[in-house]
Amino acid sequence: MKTILVIDDDKLTLEVLKKTLSVNGYEVLTASNGKEGIAAYKEKRADLIITDLLMPETSGLGVIEQLKRDFPSAKIFAITAGTTETGNDFLKMSSFLGAGRTFRKPLDHDSLLKAVNEEIG
């Protein structure tokens, strides 16, 4: 079973993504901030990381930067609910740092699930 680590400070987003991904056959680990997410990934390597960009402790950009530096083959998707201008800037930066795909909130779960299936099967 493929494992996905979801990192988001929004509890509802964590729960919805966990349910959506679990129902579709993935094991889902969760973390409520970037610092916890990095620690969780170091403890158990997930096949994919989905991280929010705007979070306390360590931002999603910090998560992407550190994990891609320490684990270059890590597969990462970035998500954000930031304002259109700010969110687009953060999504562009996340791609530059190594996020394979980016998504805006509210998430289109069908598109996200399709991307997950393409990325890790």
C-alpha atoms as a PDB file:
ATOM      1  CA  MET A   1       0.000   0.000   0.000  1.00  0.00           C
ATOM      2  CA  LYS A   2       1.380   3.414  -0.986  1.00  0.00           C
ATOM      3  CA  THR A   3       1.746   5.992   1.785  1.00  0.00           C
ATOM      4  CA  ILE A   4       0.908   9.690   1.559  1.00  0.00           C
ATOM      5  CA  LEU A   5       1.916  12.269   4.160  1.00  0.00           C
ATOM      6  CA  VAL A   6      -0.498  15.213   4.322  1.00  0.00           C
ATOM      7  CA  ILE A   7       0.783  18.330   6.108  1.00  0.00           C
ATOM      8  CA  ASP A   8      -1.727  21.104   6.822  1.00  0.00           C
ATOM      9  CA  ASP A   9      -2.587  23.260   9.816  1.00  0.00           C
ATOM     10  CA  ASP A  10      -6.284  23.167   8.879  1.00  0.00           C
ATOM     11  CA  LYS A  11      -7.878  20.191  10.650  1.00  0.00           C
ATOM     12  CA  LEU A  12     -10.787  19.974   8.216  1.00  0.00           C
ATOM     13  CA  THR A  13      -8.430  19.793   5.225  1.00  0.00           C
ATOM     14  CA  LEU A  14      -6.441  17.044   6.963  1.00  0.00           C
ATOM     15  CA  GLU A  15      -9.551  15.011   7.706  1.00  0.00           C
ATOM     16  CA  VAL A  16     -11.080  15.404   4.235  1.00  0.00           C
ATOM     17  CA  LEU A  17      -7.826  14.504   2.470  1.00  0.00           C
ATOM     18  CA  LYS A  18      -7.229  11.579   4.810  1.00  0.00           C
ATOM     19  CA  LYS A  19     -10.702  10.196   4.096  1.00  0.00           C
ATOM     20  CA  THR A  20     -10.512  10.826   0.335  1.00  0.00           C
ATOM     21  CA  LEU A  21      -7.108   9.212  -0.039  1.00  0.00           C
ATOM     22  CA  SER A  22      -7.807   6.321   2.363  1.00  0.00           C
ATOM     23  CA  VAL A  23     -11.024   5.377   0.551  1.00  0.00           C
ATOM     24  CA  ASN A  24      -8.950   5.205  -2.629  1.00  0.00           C
ATOM     25  CA  GLY A  25      -6.486   2.697  -1.190  1.00  0.00           C
ATOM     26  CA  TYR A  26      -3.703   4.850   0.243  1.00  0.00           C
ATOM     27  CA  GLU A  27      -2.257   4.796   3.740  1.00  0.00           C
ATOM     28  CA  VAL A  28      -2.394   8.375   4.999  1.00  0.00           C
ATOM     29  CA  LEU A  29      -0.191   9.963   7.634  1.00  0.00           C
ATOM     30  CA  THR A  30      -0.940  13.501   8.830  1.00  0.00           C
ATOM     31  CA  ALA A  31       0.941  16.368  10.431  1.00  0.00           C
ATOM     32  CA  SER A  32      -0.468  19.717  11.570  1.00  0.00           C
ATOM     33  CA  ASN A  33       2.563  21.873  10.766  1.00  0.00           C
ATOM     34  CA  GLY A  34       5.772  21.811   8.778  1.00  0.00           C
ATOM     35  CA  LYS A  35       8.008  20.889  11.683  1.00  0.00           C
ATOM     36  CA  GLU A  36       5.863  17.842  12.508  1.00  0.00           C
ATOM     37  CA  GLY A  37       5.683  16.952   8.828  1.00  0.00           C
ATOM     38  CA  ILE A  38       9.449  16.912   8.389  1.00  0.00           C
ATOM     39  CA  ALA A  39       9.820  14.751  11.498  1.00  0.00           C
ATOM     40  CA  ALA A  40       7.081  12.382  10.279  1.00  0.00           C
ATOM     41  CA  TYR A  41       8.774  11.984   6.903  1.00  0.00           C
ATOM     42  CA  LYS A  42      12.133  11.266   8.510  1.00  0.00           C
ATOM     43  CA  GLU A  43      10.460   8.608  10.670  1.00  0.00           C
ATOM     44  CA  LYS A  44       8.566   6.952   7.810  1.00  0.00           C
ATOM     45  CA  ARG A  45       9.289   7.784   4.186  1.00  0.00           C
ATOM     46  CA  ALA A  46       6.004   8.395   2.408  1.00  0.00           C
ATOM     47  CA  ASP A  47       5.629   7.789  -1.315  1.00  0.00           C
ATOM     48  CA  LEU A  48       4.150  11.289  -1.659  1.00  0.00           C
ATOM     49  CA  ILE A  49       3.939  14.410   0.490  1.00  0.00           C
ATOM     50  CA  ILE A  50       1.071  16.871   0.117  1.00  0.00           C
ATOM     51  CA  THR A  51       1.878  20.066   1.990  1.00  0.00           C
ATOM     52  CA  ASP A  52       0.054  23.287   2.596  1.00  0.00           C
ATOM     53  CA  LEU A  53       2.255  26.330   2.059  1.00  0.00           C
ATOM     54  CA  LEU A  54       1.001  28.733   4.725  1.00  0.00           C
ATOM     55  CA  MET A  55       1.500  27.128   8.153  1.00  0.00           C
ATOM     56  CA  PRO A  56       3.027  27.876  11.550  1.00  0.00           C
ATOM     57  CA  GLU A  57       6.329  26.441  12.788  1.00  0.00           C
ATOM     58  CA  THR A  58       7.814  25.671   9.364  1.00  0.00           C
ATOM     59  CA  SER A  59       6.058  26.861   6.204  1.00  0.00           C
ATOM     60  CA  GLY A  60       5.348  24.551   3.315  1.00  0.00           C
ATOM     61  CA  LEU A  61       8.130  26.258   1.377  1.00  0.00           C
ATOM     62  CA  GLY A  62      10.487  25.361   4.224  1.00  0.00           C
ATOM     63  CA  VAL A  63       9.214  21.777   4.155  1.00  0.00           C
ATOM     64  CA  ILE A  64       9.819  21.497   0.414  1.00  0.00           C
ATOM     65  CA  GLU A  65      13.245  23.111   0.631  1.00  0.00           C
ATOM     66  CA  GLN A  66      14.456  20.892   3.483  1.00  0.00           C
ATOM     67  CA  LEU A  67      13.020  17.616   2.226  1.00  0.00           C
ATOM     68  CA  LYS A  68      14.256  18.117  -1.350  1.00  0.00           C
ATOM     69  CA  ARG A  69      17.708  18.973   0.026  1.00  0.00           C
ATOM     70  CA  ASP A  70      17.830  15.970   2.369  1.00  0.00           C
ATOM     71  CA  PHE A  71      15.787  13.570   0.200  1.00  0.00           C
ATOM     72  CA  PRO A  72      16.086  14.694  -3.443  1.00  0.00           C
ATOM     73  CA  SER A  73      13.815  11.933  -4.734  1.00  0.00           C
ATOM     74  CA  ALA A  74      10.915  12.918  -2.416  1.00  0.00           C
ATOM     75  CA  LYS A  75       7.701  13.506  -4.357  1.00  0.00           C
ATOM     76  CA  ILE A  76       5.857  16.600  -3.176  1.00  0.00           C
ATOM     77  CA  PHE A  77       2.604  18.348  -4.078  1.00  0.00           C
ATOM     78  CA  ALA A  78       1.920  21.862  -2.759  1.00  0.00           C
ATOM     79  CA  ILE A  79      -1.480  23.308  -1.867  1.00  0.00           C
ATOM     80  CA  THR A  80      -2.528  26.778  -0.732  1.00  0.00           C
ATOM     81  CA  ALA A  81      -5.566  28.888   0.009  1.00  0.00           C
ATOM     82  CA  GLY A  82      -3.637  32.160  -0.159  1.00  0.00           C
ATOM     83  CA  THR A  83      -5.123  35.105  -2.026  1.00  0.00           C
ATOM     84  CA  THR A  84      -4.897  34.826  -5.781  1.00  0.00           C
ATOM     85  CA  GLU A  85      -1.774  36.959  -6.151  1.00  0.00           C
ATOM     86  CA  THR A  86      -0.003  35.729  -3.035  1.00  0.00           C
ATOM     87  CA  GLY A  87      -1.090  32.134  -3.564  1.00  0.00           C
ATOM     88  CA  ASN A  88       0.169  32.126  -7.137  1.00  0.00           C
ATOM     89  CA  ASP A  89       3.529  33.489  -5.979  1.00  0.00           C
ATOM     90  CA  PHE A  90       3.810  30.778  -3.317  1.00  0.00           C
ATOM     91  CA  LEU A  91       2.819  28.066  -5.805  1.00  0.00           C
ATOM     92  CA  LYS A  92       5.433  29.284  -8.302  1.00  0.00           C
ATOM     93  CA  MET A  93       8.076  29.310  -5.570  1.00  0.00           C
ATOM     94  CA  SER A  94       7.064  25.799  -4.453  1.00  0.00           C
ATOM     95  CA  SER A  95       7.542  24.542  -8.018  1.00  0.00           C
ATOM     96  CA  PHE A  96      10.930  26.216  -8.161  1.00  0.00           C
ATOM     97  CA  LEU A  97      11.917  24.464  -4.896  1.00  0.00           C
ATOM     98  CA  GLY A  98      10.846  21.059  -6.181  1.00  0.00           C
ATOM     99  CA  ALA A  99       7.096  20.526  -5.794  1.00  0.00           C
ATOM    100  CA  GLY A 100       5.990  18.333  -8.672  1.00  0.00           C
ATOM    101  CA  ARG A 101       2.437  19.682  -8.791  1.00  0.00           C
ATOM    102  CA  THR A 102       0.536  22.542  -7.215  1.00  0.00           C
ATOM    103  CA  PHE A 103      -3.117  23.028  -6.308  1.00  0.00           C
ATOM    104  CA  ARG A 104      -5.247  25.895  -5.032  1.00  0.00           C
ATOM    105  CA  LYS A 105      -7.801  25.516  -2.269  1.00  0.00           C
ATOM    106  CA  PRO A 106     -10.615  24.757  -2.259  1.00  0.00           C
ATOM    107  CA  LEU A 107      -9.237  21.563  -3.724  1.00  0.00           C
ATOM    108  CA  ASP A 108     -10.777  19.775  -6.668  1.00  0.00           C
ATOM    109  CA  HIS A 109     -10.511  16.305  -5.155  1.00  0.00           C
ATOM    110  CA  ASP A 110     -10.963  14.523  -8.485  1.00  0.00           C
ATOM    111  CA  SER A 111      -8.029  16.439 -10.011  1.00  0.00           C
ATOM    112  CA  LEU A 112      -5.895  15.862  -6.939  1.00  0.00           C
ATOM    113  CA  LEU A 113      -6.692  12.147  -6.862  1.00  0.00           C
ATOM    114  CA  LYS A 114      -5.932  11.834 -10.574  1.00  0.00           C
ATOM    115  CA  ALA A 115      -2.559  13.532 -10.005  1.00  0.00           C
ATOM    116  CA  VAL A 116      -1.799  11.259  -7.034  1.00  0.00           C
ATOM    117  CA  ASN A 117      -2.627   8.169  -9.090  1.00  0.00           C
ATOM    118  CA  GLU A 118      -0.399   9.395 -11.927  1.00  0.00           C
ATOM    119  CA  GLU A 119       2.456  10.203  -9.538  1.00  0.00           C
ATOM    120  CA  ILE A 120       2.501   7.100  -7.344  1.00  0.00           C
ATOM    121  CA  GLY A 121      -0.178   4.766  -8.731  1.00  0.00           C
END
